[in-house]
Amino acid sequence: MEQAVVDLRTTRDGRSALLAYSALDRLHTCCGDDQPWMVLPTTALSKINESHPFDLLLMDVMIPQHERRSVHT
């Protein structure tokens, strides 16, 4: 069984951001079909922030094709 990995992104102004998607179809549209994903309750965000601090939580952000990640990268 594979373990989940928290993937933070860096914004243009240098802050760290955790990206979240409100539905699986939005994740596929914004990140591509190969994007690894997991479902978490919003209450888990504080635990994620403790172990992987982030400045922003961004919802349903479109990732440019050349910056998309997948299970193969």
Protein backbone atom coordinates (compact mmCIF):
# COMPACT_ATOMS: atom_id res chain seq x y z
CA MET A 1 0.00 0.00 0.00
CA GLU A 2 1.32 3.41 -0.96
CA GLN A 3 1.39 6.29 1.50
CA ALA A 4 -0.12 9.67 0.76
CA VAL A 5 2.28 12.54 0.14
CA VAL A 6 1.46 16.16 0.92
CA ASP A 7 2.34 18.24 -2.14
CA LEU A 8 2.71 21.95 -1.36
CA ARG A 9 3.15 24.52 -4.13
CA THR A 10 5.06 27.78 -3.94
CA THR A 11 3.19 30.92 -5.02
CA ARG A 12 4.76 33.71 -7.05
CA ASP A 13 5.30 35.72 -3.87
CA GLY A 14 7.07 32.82 -2.12
CA ARG A 15 4.29 31.57 0.16
CA SER A 16 3.51 27.87 0.45
CA ALA A 17 0.07 26.71 -0.63
CA LEU A 18 -1.90 23.54 -0.14
CA LEU A 19 -4.23 22.96 -3.08
CA ALA A 20 -7.63 21.42 -2.47
CA TYR A 21 -10.40 20.50 -4.88
CA SER A 22 -14.08 20.52 -4.07
CA ALA A 23 -14.92 17.57 -6.34
CA LEU A 24 -13.07 14.86 -8.26
CA ASP A 25 -14.18 16.24 -11.63
CA ARG A 26 -12.65 19.61 -10.74
CA LEU A 27 -9.39 17.93 -9.73
CA HIS A 28 -9.25 16.13 -13.09
CA THR A 29 -10.10 19.32 -15.00
CA CYS A 30 -7.56 21.45 -13.11
CA CYS A 31 -4.73 18.95 -12.63
CA GLY A 32 -5.20 16.21 -15.21
CA ASP A 33 -6.46 12.66 -15.01
CA ASP A 34 -3.15 11.28 -13.69
CA GLN A 35 -3.02 13.47 -10.58
CA PRO A 36 -2.80 11.36 -7.41
CA TRP A 37 -5.52 12.24 -4.91
CA MET A 38 -7.07 11.41 -1.57
CA VAL A 39 -10.20 12.40 0.29
CA LEU A 40 -9.83 14.12 3.67
CA PRO A 41 -12.26 15.84 6.00
CA THR A 42 -11.59 19.54 6.44
CA THR A 43 -10.82 18.84 10.10
CA ALA A 44 -7.61 17.09 8.94
CA LEU A 45 -6.19 20.36 7.57
CA SER A 46 -4.86 21.44 10.97
CA LYS A 47 -2.93 18.16 11.33
CA ILE A 48 -1.50 18.57 7.83
CA ASN A 49 -0.47 22.13 8.70
CA GLU A 50 1.32 20.87 11.82
CA SER A 51 3.48 18.42 9.88
CA HIS A 52 3.67 20.33 6.57
CA PRO A 53 3.15 24.05 7.33
CA PHE A 54 1.41 26.06 4.62
CA ASP A 55 0.48 29.74 4.33
CA LEU A 56 -2.53 29.39 2.04
CA LEU A 57 -5.25 26.91 1.24
CA LEU A 58 -6.27 27.39 -2.39
CA MET A 59 -9.41 25.82 -3.82
CA ASP A 60 -9.99 24.53 -7.36
CA VAL A 61 -6.86 26.12 -8.86
CA MET A 62 -6.10 25.38 -12.52
CA ILE A 63 -2.56 23.99 -12.86
CA PRO A 64 -0.86 24.78 -16.20
CA GLN A 65 -0.14 21.65 -18.24
CA HIS A 66 3.64 22.01 -17.92
CA GLU A 67 3.44 22.20 -14.09
CA ARG A 68 1.13 19.23 -13.53
CA ARG A 69 2.35 16.28 -11.53
CA SER A 70 1.30 12.69 -11.84
CA VAL A 71 1.98 9.27 -10.37
CA HIS A 72 4.81 9.01 -12.90
CA THR A 73 6.73 12.12 -11.76
